[in-house]
C-alpha cells in the first residue's frame, strides 16, 4: 500500500471526503475516504453569495481558482457551482462563470464538510 500525504487544508477537495486517518507501527499515515458521498451546492442559496466572472481567454480551473481565491485548490468548487463535468477541459473565452464570493468560502466549506 502506498503512503498518502495528508494535509489539513480545508480547501483541498479530497479533505471534504477524508473520514479517518491512522498510523502504522512504522509511522506511515493513511487516509480512508468516503467516496460514496457527493458534494452539491444547495439550490436555495441566496444569490448575493455569488458573483460572475467573464473569461477573457481559455483558462484551466486551477488558474481561475488561483486568480479569484489565491489558491489553486478551489477548482472543484468552481466546477460544482457551474455544473462543469470535465475538470481538465479549459474554460472557453467569452464564458461567464458563477463563483462563490470570497467572504462566503469558509462557511460554505464548513457546511459541505459537515454534510458528508
PDB file of N, CA and C in Angstrom:
ATOM      1  N   UNK A   1       0.847  -1.173   0.000  1.00  0.00           N
ATOM      2  CA  UNK A   1       0.000   0.000   0.000  1.00  0.00           C
ATOM      3  C   UNK A   1       0.890   1.234   0.000  1.00  0.00           C
ATOM      4  N   UNK A   2       0.510   2.214  -0.828  1.00  0.00           N
ATOM      5  CA  UNK A   2       1.292   3.436  -0.937  1.00  0.00           C
ATOM      6  C   UNK A   2       0.884   4.444   0.141  1.00  0.00           C
ATOM      7  N   UNK A   3       1.847   5.141   0.686  1.00  0.00           N
ATOM      8  CA  UNK A   3       1.566   6.141   1.708  1.00  0.00           C
ATOM      9  C   UNK A   3       0.867   7.347   1.083  1.00  0.00           C
ATOM     10  N   UNK A   4      -0.138   7.855   1.768  1.00  0.00           N
ATOM     11  CA  UNK A   4      -0.872   9.032   1.325  1.00  0.00           C
ATOM     12  C   UNK A   4      -0.389  10.220   2.134  1.00  0.00           C
ATOM     13  N   UNK A   5      -0.079  11.300   1.446  1.00  0.00           N
ATOM     14  CA  UNK A   5       0.336  12.507   2.153  1.00  0.00           C
ATOM     15  C   UNK A   5      -0.929  13.225   2.606  1.00  0.00           C
ATOM     16  N   UNK A   6      -1.035  13.433   3.891  1.00  0.00           N
ATOM     17  CA  UNK A   6      -2.229  14.026   4.479  1.00  0.00           C
ATOM     18  C   UNK A   6      -1.972  15.500   4.779  1.00  0.00           C
ATOM     19  N   UNK A   7      -2.864  16.347   4.335  1.00  0.00           N
ATOM     20  CA  UNK A   7      -2.794  17.756   4.706  1.00  0.00           C
ATOM     21  C   UNK A   7      -4.112  18.114   5.384  1.00  0.00           C
ATOM     22  N   UNK A   8      -4.117  19.157   6.138  1.00  0.00           N
ATOM     23  CA  UNK A   8      -5.331  19.597   6.813  1.00  0.00           C
ATOM     24  C   UNK A   8      -5.974  20.768   6.102  1.00  0.00           C
ATOM     25  N   UNK A   9      -5.538  21.083   4.905  1.00  0.00           N
ATOM     26  CA  UNK A   9      -6.050  22.219   4.160  1.00  0.00           C
ATOM     27  C   UNK A   9      -7.524  21.993   3.808  1.00  0.00           C
ATOM     28  N   UNK A  10      -8.438  22.784   4.362  1.00  0.00           N
ATOM     29  CA  UNK A  10      -9.869  22.573   4.114  1.00  0.00           C
ATOM     30  C   UNK A  10     -10.292  22.871   2.686  1.00  0.00           C
ATOM     31  N   UNK A  11      -9.429  23.518   1.905  1.00  0.00           N
ATOM     32  CA  UNK A  11      -9.768  23.841   0.524  1.00  0.00           C
ATOM     33  C   UNK A  11      -9.542  22.666  -0.422  1.00  0.00           C
ATOM     34  N   UNK A  12      -8.786  21.692   0.018  1.00  0.00           N
ATOM     35  CA  UNK A  12      -8.477  20.548  -0.835  1.00  0.00           C
ATOM     36  C   UNK A  12      -9.693  19.644  -0.960  1.00  0.00           C
ATOM     37  N   UNK A  13     -10.060  19.331  -2.168  1.00  0.00           N
ATOM     38  CA  UNK A  13     -11.245  18.518  -2.456  1.00  0.00           C
ATOM     39  C   UNK A  13     -11.234  17.201  -1.689  1.00  0.00           C
ATOM     40  N   UNK A  14     -10.087  16.543  -1.667  1.00  0.00           N
ATOM     41  CA  UNK A  14     -10.007  15.247  -1.010  1.00  0.00           C
ATOM     42  C   UNK A  14     -10.247  15.325   0.498  1.00  0.00           C
ATOM     43  N   UNK A  15     -10.008  16.483   1.101  1.00  0.00           N
ATOM     44  CA  UNK A  15     -10.228  16.619   2.544  1.00  0.00           C
ATOM     45  C   UNK A  15     -11.707  16.699   2.907  1.00  0.00           C
ATOM     46  N   UNK A  16     -12.560  17.034   1.951  1.00  0.00           N
ATOM     47  CA  UNK A  16     -14.002  17.016   2.204  1.00  0.00           C
ATOM     48  C   UNK A  16     -14.438  15.578   2.500  1.00  0.00           C
ATOM     49  N   UNK A  17     -13.790  14.607   1.872  1.00  0.00           N
ATOM     50  CA  UNK A  17     -14.183  13.207   1.996  1.00  0.00           C
ATOM     51  C   UNK A  17     -13.336  12.400   2.971  1.00  0.00           C
ATOM     52  N   UNK A  18     -12.303  13.015   3.536  1.00  0.00           N
ATOM     53  CA  UNK A  18     -11.399  12.308   4.446  1.00  0.00           C
ATOM     54  C   UNK A  18     -12.145  11.975   5.736  1.00  0.00           C
ATOM     55  N   UNK A  19     -12.392  10.700   5.943  1.00  0.00           N
ATOM     56  CA  UNK A  19     -13.199  10.266   7.075  1.00  0.00           C
ATOM     57  C   UNK A  19     -12.368   9.759   8.257  1.00  0.00           C
ATOM     58  N   UNK A  20     -11.212   9.189   7.955  1.00  0.00           N
ATOM     59  CA  UNK A  20     -10.455   8.531   9.012  1.00  0.00           C
ATOM     60  C   UNK A  20      -8.995   8.455   8.603  1.00  0.00           C
ATOM     61  N   UNK A  21      -8.100   8.640   9.556  1.00  0.00           N
ATOM     62  CA  UNK A  21      -6.669   8.503   9.319  1.00  0.00           C
ATOM     63  C   UNK A  21      -6.078   7.591  10.386  1.00  0.00           C
ATOM     64  N   UNK A  22      -5.094   6.826  10.004  1.00  0.00           N
ATOM     65  CA  UNK A  22      -4.400   6.020  11.006  1.00  0.00           C
ATOM     66  C   UNK A  22      -2.917   5.952  10.681  1.00  0.00           C
ATOM     67  N   UNK A  23      -2.144   5.669  11.698  1.00  0.00           N
ATOM     68  CA  UNK A  23      -0.695   5.498  11.545  1.00  0.00           C
ATOM     69  C   UNK A  23      -0.340   4.050  11.781  1.00  0.00           C
ATOM     70  N   UNK A  24       0.568   3.555  10.953  1.00  0.00           N
ATOM     71  CA  UNK A  24       1.049   2.193  11.122  1.00  0.00           C
ATOM     72  C   UNK A  24       2.141   2.175  12.185  1.00  0.00           C
ATOM     73  N   UNK A  25       2.554   0.978  12.549  1.00  0.00           N
ATOM     74  CA  UNK A  25       3.652   0.836  13.511  1.00  0.00           C
ATOM     75  C   UNK A  25       4.934   1.487  12.999  1.00  0.00           C
ATOM     76  N   UNK A  26       5.062   1.584  11.680  1.00  0.00           N
ATOM     77  CA  UNK A  26       6.242   2.197  11.072  1.00  0.00           C
ATOM     78  C   UNK A  26       6.131   3.721  11.007  1.00  0.00           C
ATOM     79  N   UNK A  27       4.974   4.268  11.391  1.00  0.00           N
ATOM     80  CA  UNK A  27       4.790   5.717  11.378  1.00  0.00           C
ATOM     81  C   UNK A  27       4.179   6.256  10.095  1.00  0.00           C
ATOM     82  N   UNK A  28       3.854   5.375   9.129  1.00  0.00           N
ATOM     83  CA  UNK A  28       3.207   5.827   7.898  1.00  0.00           C
ATOM     84  C   UNK A  28       1.762   6.204   8.198  1.00  0.00           C
ATOM     85  N   UNK A  29       1.282   7.283   7.576  1.00  0.00           N
ATOM     86  CA  UNK A  29      -0.093   7.732   7.777  1.00  0.00           C
ATOM     87  C   UNK A  29      -0.915   7.418   6.544  1.00  0.00           C
ATOM     88  N   UNK A  30      -2.106   6.854   6.753  1.00  0.00           N
ATOM     89  CA  UNK A  30      -3.020   6.505   5.679  1.00  0.00           C
ATOM     90  C   UNK A  30      -4.375   7.132   5.942  1.00  0.00           C
ATOM     91  N   UNK A  31      -5.098   7.405   4.864  1.00  0.00           N
ATOM     92  CA  UNK A  31      -6.426   8.005   4.990  1.00  0.00           C
ATOM     93  C   UNK A  31      -7.457   7.116   4.323  1.00  0.00           C
ATOM     94  N   UNK A  32      -8.653   7.148   4.868  1.00  0.00           N
ATOM     95  CA  UNK A  32      -9.797   6.464   4.269  1.00  0.00           C
ATOM     96  C   UNK A  32     -10.788   7.539   3.856  1.00  0.00           C
ATOM     97  N   UNK A  33     -11.348   7.386   2.672  1.00  0.00           N
ATOM     98  CA  UNK A  33     -12.235   8.392   2.123  1.00  0.00           C
ATOM     99  C   UNK A  33     -13.636   7.843   1.926  1.00  0.00           C
ATOM    100  N   UNK A  34     -14.611   8.696   2.119  1.00  0.00           N
ATOM    101  CA  UNK A  34     -15.999   8.358   1.858  1.00  0.00           C
ATOM    102  C   UNK A  34     -16.276   8.695   0.390  1.00  0.00           C
ATOM    103  N   UNK A  35     -15.995   7.755  -0.499  1.00  0.00           N
ATOM    104  CA  UNK A  35     -16.120   8.018  -1.933  1.00  0.00           C
ATOM    105  C   UNK A  35     -17.555   7.874  -2.435  1.00  0.00           C
ATOM    106  N   UNK A  36     -18.464   7.471  -1.577  1.00  0.00           N
ATOM    107  CA  UNK A  36     -19.859   7.337  -1.989  1.00  0.00           C
ATOM    108  C   UNK A  36     -20.626   8.647  -1.841  1.00  0.00           C
ATOM    109  N   UNK A  37     -20.045   9.611  -1.180  1.00  0.00           N
ATOM    110  CA  UNK A  37     -20.710  10.901  -0.991  1.00  0.00           C
ATOM    111  C   UNK A  37     -20.512  11.785  -2.209  1.00  0.00           C
ATOM    112  N   UNK A  38     -21.412  12.736  -2.342  1.00  0.00           N
ATOM    113  CA  UNK A  38     -21.367  13.675  -3.458  1.00  0.00           C
ATOM    114  C   UNK A  38     -21.500  15.085  -2.902  1.00  0.00           C
ATOM    115  N   UNK A  39     -20.697  16.000  -3.422  1.00  0.00           N
ATOM    116  CA  UNK A  39     -20.767  17.386  -2.995  1.00  0.00           C
ATOM    117  C   UNK A  39     -21.738  18.114  -3.905  1.00  0.00           C
ATOM    118  N   UNK A  40     -22.708  18.784  -3.299  1.00  0.00           N
ATOM    119  CA  UNK A  40     -23.640  19.620  -4.061  1.00  0.00           C
ATOM    120  C   UNK A  40     -23.790  20.955  -3.351  1.00  0.00           C
ATOM    121  N   UNK A  41     -24.032  21.964  -4.130  1.00  0.00           N
ATOM    122  CA  UNK A  41     -24.280  23.294  -3.594  1.00  0.00           C
ATOM    123  C   UNK A  41     -25.794  23.438  -3.486  1.00  0.00           C
ATOM    124  N   UNK A  42     -26.301  23.817  -2.326  1.00  0.00           N
ATOM    125  CA  UNK A  42     -27.756  23.963  -2.181  1.00  0.00           C
ATOM    126  C   UNK A  42     -28.331  24.938  -3.216  1.00  0.00           C
ATOM    127  N   UNK A  43     -29.424  24.556  -3.834  1.00  0.00           N
ATOM    128  CA  UNK A  43     -30.025  25.383  -4.881  1.00  0.00           C
ATOM    129  C   UNK A  43     -30.716  26.618  -4.306  1.00  0.00           C
ATOM    130  N   UNK A  44     -30.954  26.627  -3.006  1.00  0.00           N
ATOM    131  CA  UNK A  44     -31.658  27.749  -2.397  1.00  0.00           C
ATOM    132  C   UNK A  44     -30.722  28.792  -1.770  1.00  0.00           C
ATOM    133  N   UNK A  45     -29.427  28.732  -2.120  1.00  0.00           N
ATOM    134  CA  UNK A  45     -28.503  29.758  -1.612  1.00  0.00           C
ATOM    135  C   UNK A  45     -28.906  31.121  -2.158  1.00  0.00           C
ATOM    136  N   UNK A  46     -28.830  32.112  -1.309  1.00  0.00           N
ATOM    137  CA  UNK A  46     -29.155  33.473  -1.720  1.00  0.00           C
ATOM    138  C   UNK A  46     -28.203  33.904  -2.836  1.00  0.00           C
ATOM    139  N   UNK A  47     -28.740  34.564  -3.834  1.00  0.00           N
ATOM    140  CA  UNK A  47     -27.947  34.987  -4.989  1.00  0.00           C
ATOM    141  C   UNK A  47     -26.816  35.944  -4.601  1.00  0.00           C
ATOM    142  N   UNK A  48     -26.933  36.614  -3.455  1.00  0.00           N
ATOM    143  CA  UNK A  48     -25.881  37.544  -3.029  1.00  0.00           C
ATOM    144  C   UNK A  48     -24.582  36.833  -2.653  1.00  0.00           C
ATOM    145  N   UNK A  49     -24.623  35.517  -2.507  1.00  0.00           N
ATOM    146  CA  UNK A  49     -23.431  34.719  -2.202  1.00  0.00           C
ATOM    147  C   UNK A  49     -22.532  34.608  -3.433  1.00  0.00           C
ATOM    148  N   UNK A  50     -23.100  34.802  -4.596  1.00  0.00           N
ATOM    149  CA  UNK A  50     -22.394  34.589  -5.858  1.00  0.00           C
ATOM    150  C   UNK A  50     -22.022  35.895  -6.547  1.00  0.00           C
ATOM    151  N   UNK A  51     -20.999  35.788  -7.378  1.00  0.00           N
ATOM    152  CA  UNK A  51     -20.697  36.839  -8.337  1.00  0.00           C
ATOM    153  C   UNK A  51     -20.373  36.134  -9.652  1.00  0.00           C
ATOM    154  N   UNK A  52     -20.171  36.902 -10.698  1.00  0.00           N
ATOM    155  CA  UNK A  52     -19.932  36.324 -12.020  1.00  0.00           C
ATOM    156  C   UNK A  52     -18.635  36.869 -12.586  1.00  0.00           C
ATOM    157  N   UNK A  53     -17.902  35.997 -13.267  1.00  0.00           N
ATOM    158  CA  UNK A  53     -16.615  36.362 -13.847  1.00  0.00           C
ATOM    159  C   UNK A  53     -16.649  36.036 -15.333  1.00  0.00           C
ATOM    160  N   UNK A  54     -16.293  37.004 -16.155  1.00  0.00           N
ATOM    161  CA  UNK A  54     -16.191  36.773 -17.593  1.00  0.00           C
ATOM    162  C   UNK A  54     -14.798  36.227 -17.892  1.00  0.00           C
ATOM    163  N   UNK A  55     -14.745  35.148 -18.634  1.00  0.00           N
ATOM    164  CA  UNK A  55     -13.478  34.518 -19.004  1.00  0.00           C
ATOM    165  C   UNK A  55     -12.960  35.191 -20.267  1.00  0.00           C
ATOM    166  N   UNK A  56     -11.780  35.790 -20.174  1.00  0.00           N
ATOM    167  CA  UNK A  56     -11.232  36.553 -21.301  1.00  0.00           C
ATOM    168  C   UNK A  56     -10.445  35.680 -22.273  1.00  0.00           C
ATOM    169  N   UNK A  57      -9.836  34.612 -21.776  1.00  0.00           N
ATOM    170  CA  UNK A  57      -9.117  33.690 -22.646  1.00  0.00           C
ATOM    171  C   UNK A  57      -9.223  32.294 -22.034  1.00  0.00           C
ATOM    172  N   UNK A  58      -8.976  31.274 -22.831  1.00  0.00           N
ATOM    173  CA  UNK A  58      -9.063  29.906 -22.312  1.00  0.00           C
ATOM    174  C   UNK A  58      -8.183  29.770 -21.080  1.00  0.00           C
ATOM    175  N   UNK A  59      -8.724  29.095 -20.064  1.00  0.00           N
ATOM    176  CA  UNK A  59      -8.029  29.032 -18.789  1.00  0.00           C
ATOM    177  C   UNK A  59      -8.416  27.751 -18.054  1.00  0.00           C
ATOM    178  N   UNK A  60      -7.463  27.105 -17.387  1.00  0.00           N
ATOM    179  CA  UNK A  60      -7.817  25.941 -16.571  1.00  0.00           C
ATOM    180  C   UNK A  60      -8.514  26.375 -15.276  1.00  0.00           C
ATOM    181  N   UNK A  61      -9.290  25.481 -14.721  1.00  0.00           N
ATOM    182  CA  UNK A  61      -9.993  25.765 -13.469  1.00  0.00           C
ATOM    183  C   UNK A  61      -9.027  26.098 -12.342  1.00  0.00           C
ATOM    184  N   UNK A  62      -7.875  25.444 -12.315  1.00  0.00           N
ATOM    185  CA  UNK A  62      -6.906  25.711 -11.249  1.00  0.00           C
ATOM    186  C   UNK A  62      -6.379  27.143 -11.312  1.00  0.00           C
ATOM    187  N   UNK A  63      -6.145  27.633 -12.507  1.00  0.00           N
ATOM    188  CA  UNK A  63      -5.659  29.005 -12.671  1.00  0.00           C
ATOM    189  C   UNK A  63      -6.748  30.005 -12.293  1.00  0.00           C
ATOM    190  N   UNK A  64      -7.969  29.735 -12.724  1.00  0.00           N
ATOM    191  CA  UNK A  64      -9.080  30.617 -12.355  1.00  0.00           C
ATOM    192  C   UNK A  64      -9.257  30.635 -10.844  1.00  0.00           C
ATOM    193  N   UNK A  65      -9.169  29.481 -10.220  1.00  0.00           N
ATOM    194  CA  UNK A  65      -9.266  29.394  -8.765  1.00  0.00           C
ATOM    195  C   UNK A  65      -8.195  30.255  -8.100  1.00  0.00           C
ATOM    196  N   UNK A  66      -6.977  30.165  -8.593  1.00  0.00           N
ATOM    197  CA  UNK A  66      -5.892  30.964  -8.021  1.00  0.00           C
ATOM    198  C   UNK A  66      -6.154  32.460  -8.221  1.00  0.00           C
ATOM    199  N   UNK A  67      -6.590  32.830  -9.414  1.00  0.00           N
ATOM    200  CA  UNK A  67      -6.843  34.239  -9.708  1.00  0.00           C
ATOM    201  C   UNK A  67      -7.938  34.821  -8.808  1.00  0.00           C
ATOM    202  N   UNK A  68      -8.925  34.019  -8.470  1.00  0.00           N
ATOM    203  CA  UNK A  68     -10.048  34.502  -7.673  1.00  0.00           C
ATOM    204  C   UNK A  68      -9.795  34.359  -6.179  1.00  0.00           C
ATOM    205  N   UNK A  69      -9.363  33.157  -5.773  1.00  0.00           N
ATOM    206  CA  UNK A  69      -9.277  32.829  -4.343  1.00  0.00           C
ATOM    207  C   UNK A  69      -7.848  32.798  -3.788  1.00  0.00           C
ATOM    208  N   UNK A  70      -6.862  32.999  -4.651  1.00  0.00           N
ATOM    209  CA  UNK A  70      -5.442  32.939  -4.253  1.00  0.00           C
ATOM    210  C   UNK A  70      -5.031  31.547  -3.782  1.00  0.00           C
ATOM    211  N   UNK A  71      -5.728  30.534  -4.270  1.00  0.00           N
ATOM    212  CA  UNK A  71      -5.357  29.136  -4.078  1.00  0.00           C
ATOM    213  C   UNK A  71      -5.849  28.356  -5.284  1.00  0.00           C
ATOM    214  N   UNK A  72      -5.047  27.435  -5.750  1.00  0.00           N
ATOM    215  CA  UNK A  72      -5.468  26.617  -6.889  1.00  0.00           C
ATOM    216  C   UNK A  72      -6.414  25.490  -6.463  1.00  0.00           C
ATOM    217  N   UNK A  73      -6.550  25.267  -5.163  1.00  0.00           N
ATOM    218  CA  UNK A  73      -7.270  24.105  -4.662  1.00  0.00           C
ATOM    219  C   UNK A  73      -8.788  24.222  -4.648  1.00  0.00           C
ATOM    220  N   UNK A  74      -9.338  25.377  -4.986  1.00  0.00           N
ATOM    221  CA  UNK A  74     -10.796  25.501  -5.022  1.00  0.00           C
ATOM    222  C   UNK A  74     -11.366  25.360  -6.433  1.00  0.00           C
ATOM    223  N   UNK A  75     -10.586  24.774  -7.335  1.00  0.00           N
ATOM    224  CA  UNK A  75     -11.056  24.495  -8.694  1.00  0.00           C
ATOM    225  C   UNK A  75     -12.350  23.696  -8.678  1.00  0.00           C
ATOM    226  N   UNK A  76     -12.436  22.742  -7.754  1.00  0.00           N
ATOM    227  CA  UNK A  76     -13.589  21.845  -7.684  1.00  0.00           C
ATOM    228  C   UNK A  76     -14.864  22.589  -7.295  1.00  0.00           C
ATOM    229  N   UNK A  77     -14.742  23.646  -6.510  1.00  0.00           N
ATOM    230  CA  UNK A  77     -15.901  24.426  -6.108  1.00  0.00           C
ATOM    231  C   UNK A  77     -16.460  25.203  -7.306  1.00  0.00           C
ATOM    232  N   UNK A  78     -15.576  25.761  -8.108  1.00  0.00           N
ATOM    233  CA  UNK A  78     -15.999  26.439  -9.343  1.00  0.00           C
ATOM    234  C   UNK A  78     -16.685  25.435 -10.265  1.00  0.00           C
ATOM    235  N   UNK A  79     -16.126  24.261 -10.347  1.00  0.00           N
ATOM    236  CA  UNK A  79     -16.679  23.208 -11.195  1.00  0.00           C
ATOM    237  C   UNK A  79     -18.094  22.822 -10.769  1.00  0.00           C
ATOM    238  N   UNK A  80     -18.288  22.639  -9.471  1.00  0.00           N
ATOM    239  CA  UNK A  80     -19.586  22.208  -8.954  1.00  0.00           C
ATOM    240  C   UNK A  80     -20.629  23.312  -9.115  1.00  0.00           C
ATOM    241  N   UNK A  81     -20.272  24.536  -8.787  1.00  0.00           N
ATOM    242  CA  UNK A  81     -21.211  25.657  -8.889  1.00  0.00           C
ATOM    243  C   UNK A  81     -21.697  25.829 -10.325  1.00  0.00           C
ATOM    244  N   UNK A  82     -20.830  25.556 -11.296  1.00  0.00           N
ATOM    245  CA  UNK A  82     -21.165  25.768 -12.703  1.00  0.00           C
ATOM    246  C   UNK A  82     -21.552  24.487 -13.435  1.00  0.00           C
ATOM    247  N   UNK A  83     -21.694  23.395 -12.690  1.00  0.00           N
ATOM    248  CA  UNK A  83     -22.089  22.115 -13.278  1.00  0.00           C
ATOM    249  C   UNK A  83     -21.166  21.713 -14.441  1.00  0.00           C
ATOM    250  N   UNK A  84     -19.875  21.917 -14.244  1.00  0.00           N
ATOM    251  CA  UNK A  84     -18.871  21.537 -15.239  1.00  0.00           C
ATOM    252  C   UNK A  84     -18.546  20.067 -15.032  1.00  0.00           C
ATOM    253  N   UNK A  85     -18.612  19.292 -16.092  1.00  0.00           N
ATOM    254  CA  UNK A  85     -18.416  17.844 -15.993  1.00  0.00           C
ATOM    255  C   UNK A  85     -16.970  17.399 -16.155  1.00  0.00           C
ATOM    256  N   UNK A  86     -16.183  18.137 -16.918  1.00  0.00           N
ATOM    257  CA  UNK A  86     -14.809  17.738 -17.209  1.00  0.00           C
ATOM    258  C   UNK A  86     -13.831  18.738 -16.580  1.00  0.00           C
ATOM    259  N   UNK A  87     -13.177  18.360 -15.486  1.00  0.00           N
ATOM    260  CA  UNK A  87     -12.302  19.308 -14.788  1.00  0.00           C
ATOM    261  C   UNK A  87     -11.010  19.646 -15.527  1.00  0.00           C
ATOM    262  N   UNK A  88     -10.645  18.895 -16.547  1.00  0.00           N
ATOM    263  CA  UNK A  88      -9.395  19.188 -17.249  1.00  0.00           C
ATOM    264  C   UNK A  88      -9.622  19.989 -18.527  1.00  0.00           C
ATOM    265  N   UNK A  89     -10.853  20.165 -18.909  1.00  0.00           N
ATOM    266  CA  UNK A  89     -11.156  20.954 -20.099  1.00  0.00           C
ATOM    267  C   UNK A  89     -11.026  22.441 -19.768  1.00  0.00           C
ATOM    268  N   UNK A  90     -10.345  23.177 -20.635  1.00  0.00           N
ATOM    269  CA  UNK A  90     -10.169  24.613 -20.424  1.00  0.00           C
ATOM    270  C   UNK A  90     -11.503  25.329 -20.537  1.00  0.00           C
ATOM    271  N   UNK A  91     -11.684  26.354 -19.698  1.00  0.00           N
ATOM    272  CA  UNK A  91     -12.864  27.199 -19.815  1.00  0.00           C
ATOM    273  C   UNK A  91     -12.717  28.049 -21.069  1.00  0.00           C
ATOM    274  N   UNK A  92     -13.768  28.176 -21.818  1.00  0.00           N
ATOM    275  CA  UNK A  92     -13.724  28.881 -23.104  1.00  0.00           C
ATOM    276  C   UNK A  92     -13.755  30.395 -22.934  1.00  0.00           C
ATOM    277  N   UNK A  93     -13.037  31.062 -23.795  1.00  0.00           N
ATOM    278  CA  UNK A  93     -13.051  32.519 -23.844  1.00  0.00           C
ATOM    279  C   UNK A  93     -14.478  32.977 -24.125  1.00  0.00           C
ATOM    280  N   UNK A  94     -14.914  34.012 -23.402  1.00  0.00           N
ATOM    281  CA  UNK A  94     -16.270  34.529 -23.574  1.00  0.00           C
ATOM    282  C   UNK A  94     -17.282  33.909 -22.624  1.00  0.00           C
ATOM    283  N   UNK A  95     -16.893  32.838 -21.919  1.00  0.00           N
ATOM    284  CA  UNK A  95     -17.795  32.217 -20.947  1.00  0.00           C
ATOM    285  C   UNK A  95     -17.969  33.131 -19.743  1.00  0.00           C
ATOM    286  N   UNK A  96     -19.111  33.009 -19.092  1.00  0.00           N
ATOM    287  CA  UNK A  96     -19.342  33.712 -17.833  1.00  0.00           C
ATOM    288  C   UNK A  96     -19.511  32.643 -16.767  1.00  0.00           C
ATOM    289  N   UNK A  97     -18.673  32.704 -15.745  1.00  0.00           N
ATOM    290  CA  UNK A  97     -18.626  31.691 -14.697  1.00  0.00           C
ATOM    291  C   UNK A  97     -19.203  32.265 -13.402  1.00  0.00           C
ATOM    292  N   UNK A  98     -20.030  31.480 -12.755  1.00  0.00           N
ATOM    293  CA  UNK A  98     -20.612  31.836 -11.462  1.00  0.00           C
ATOM    294  C   UNK A  98     -19.647  31.373 -10.371  1.00  0.00           C
ATOM    295  N   UNK A  99     -19.318  32.244  -9.440  1.00  0.00           N
ATOM    296  CA  UNK A  99     -18.411  31.865  -8.351  1.00  0.00           C
ATOM    297  C   UNK A  99     -19.015  32.265  -7.007  1.00  0.00           C
ATOM    298  N   UNK A 100     -18.576  31.591  -5.991  1.00  0.00           N
ATOM    299  CA  UNK A 100     -18.952  31.958  -4.632  1.00  0.00           C
ATOM    300  C   UNK A 100     -17.987  33.057  -4.177  1.00  0.00           C
ATOM    301  N   UNK A 101     -18.542  34.121  -3.638  1.00  0.00           N
ATOM    302  CA  UNK A 101     -17.708  35.230  -3.179  1.00  0.00           C
ATOM    303  C   UNK A 101     -16.766  34.768  -2.067  1.00  0.00           C
ATOM    304  N   UNK A 102     -15.589  35.372  -2.034  1.00  0.00           N
ATOM    305  CA  UNK A 102     -14.561  35.000  -1.056  1.00  0.00           C
ATOM    306  C   UNK A 102     -15.065  35.036   0.380  1.00  0.00           C
ATOM    307  N   UNK A 103     -15.898  36.006   0.703  1.00  0.00           N
ATOM    308  CA  UNK A 103     -16.400  36.154   2.077  1.00  0.00           C
ATOM    309  C   UNK A 103     -17.190  34.953   2.560  1.00  0.00           C
ATOM    310  N   UNK A 104     -17.703  34.146   1.638  1.00  0.00           N
ATOM    311  CA  UNK A 104     -18.555  33.016   2.000  1.00  0.00           C
ATOM    312  C   UNK A 104     -17.852  31.662   1.926  1.00  0.00           C
ATOM    313  N   UNK A 105     -16.622  31.647   1.454  1.00  0.00           N
ATOM    314  CA  UNK A 105     -15.915  30.382   1.223  1.00  0.00           C
ATOM    315  C   UNK A 105     -15.782  29.552   2.498  1.00  0.00           C
ATOM    316  N   UNK A 106     -15.308  30.135   3.581  1.00  0.00           N
ATOM    317  CA  UNK A 106     -15.102  29.355   4.812  1.00  0.00           C
ATOM    318  C   UNK A 106     -16.397  28.725   5.309  1.00  0.00           C
ATOM    319  N   UNK A 107     -17.483  29.486   5.304  1.00  0.00           N
ATOM    320  CA  UNK A 107     -18.741  28.920   5.790  1.00  0.00           C
ATOM    321  C   UNK A 107     -19.282  27.853   4.846  1.00  0.00           C
ATOM    322  N   UNK A 108     -19.087  28.017   3.558  1.00  0.00           N
ATOM    323  CA  UNK A 108     -19.529  27.004   2.583  1.00  0.00           C
ATOM    324  C   UNK A 108     -18.719  25.727   2.770  1.00  0.00           C
ATOM    325  N   UNK A 109     -17.399  25.842   2.911  1.00  0.00           N
ATOM    326  CA  UNK A 109     -16.556  24.658   3.106  1.00  0.00           C
ATOM    327  C   UNK A 109     -16.920  23.927   4.393  1.00  0.00           C
ATOM    328  N   UNK A 110     -17.162  24.670   5.436  1.00  0.00           N
ATOM    329  CA  UNK A 110     -17.562  24.058   6.717  1.00  0.00           C
ATOM    330  C   UNK A 110     -18.896  23.339   6.569  1.00  0.00           C
ATOM    331  N   UNK A 111     -19.836  23.975   5.905  1.00  0.00           N
ATOM    332  CA  UNK A 111     -21.156  23.372   5.700  1.00  0.00           C
ATOM    333  C   UNK A 111     -21.049  22.092   4.876  1.00  0.00           C
ATOM    334  N   UNK A 112     -20.234  22.125   3.816  1.00  0.00           N
ATOM    335  CA  UNK A 112     -20.061  20.926   2.977  1.00  0.00           C
ATOM    336  C   UNK A 112     -19.426  19.791   3.771  1.00  0.00           C
ATOM    337  N   UNK A 113     -18.414  20.098   4.546  1.00  0.00           N
ATOM    338  CA  UNK A 113     -17.731  19.080   5.350  1.00  0.00           C
ATOM    339  C   UNK A 113     -18.690  18.461   6.356  1.00  0.00           C
ATOM    340  N   UNK A 114     -19.559  19.265   6.951  1.00  0.00           N
ATOM    341  CA  UNK A 114     -20.499  18.758   7.943  1.00  0.00           C
ATOM    342  C   UNK A 114     -21.592  17.880   7.330  1.00  0.00           C
ATOM    343  N   UNK A 115     -21.864  18.059   6.049  1.00  0.00           N
ATOM    344  CA  UNK A 115     -22.899  17.262   5.374  1.00  0.00           C
ATOM    345  C   UNK A 115     -22.402  15.880   4.975  1.00  0.00           C
ATOM    346  N   UNK A 116     -21.096  15.737   4.806  1.00  0.00           N
ATOM    347  CA  UNK A 116     -20.530  14.457   4.338  1.00  0.00           C
ATOM    348  C   UNK A 116     -20.448  13.479   5.477  1.00  0.00           C
TER     349      UNK A 116
END
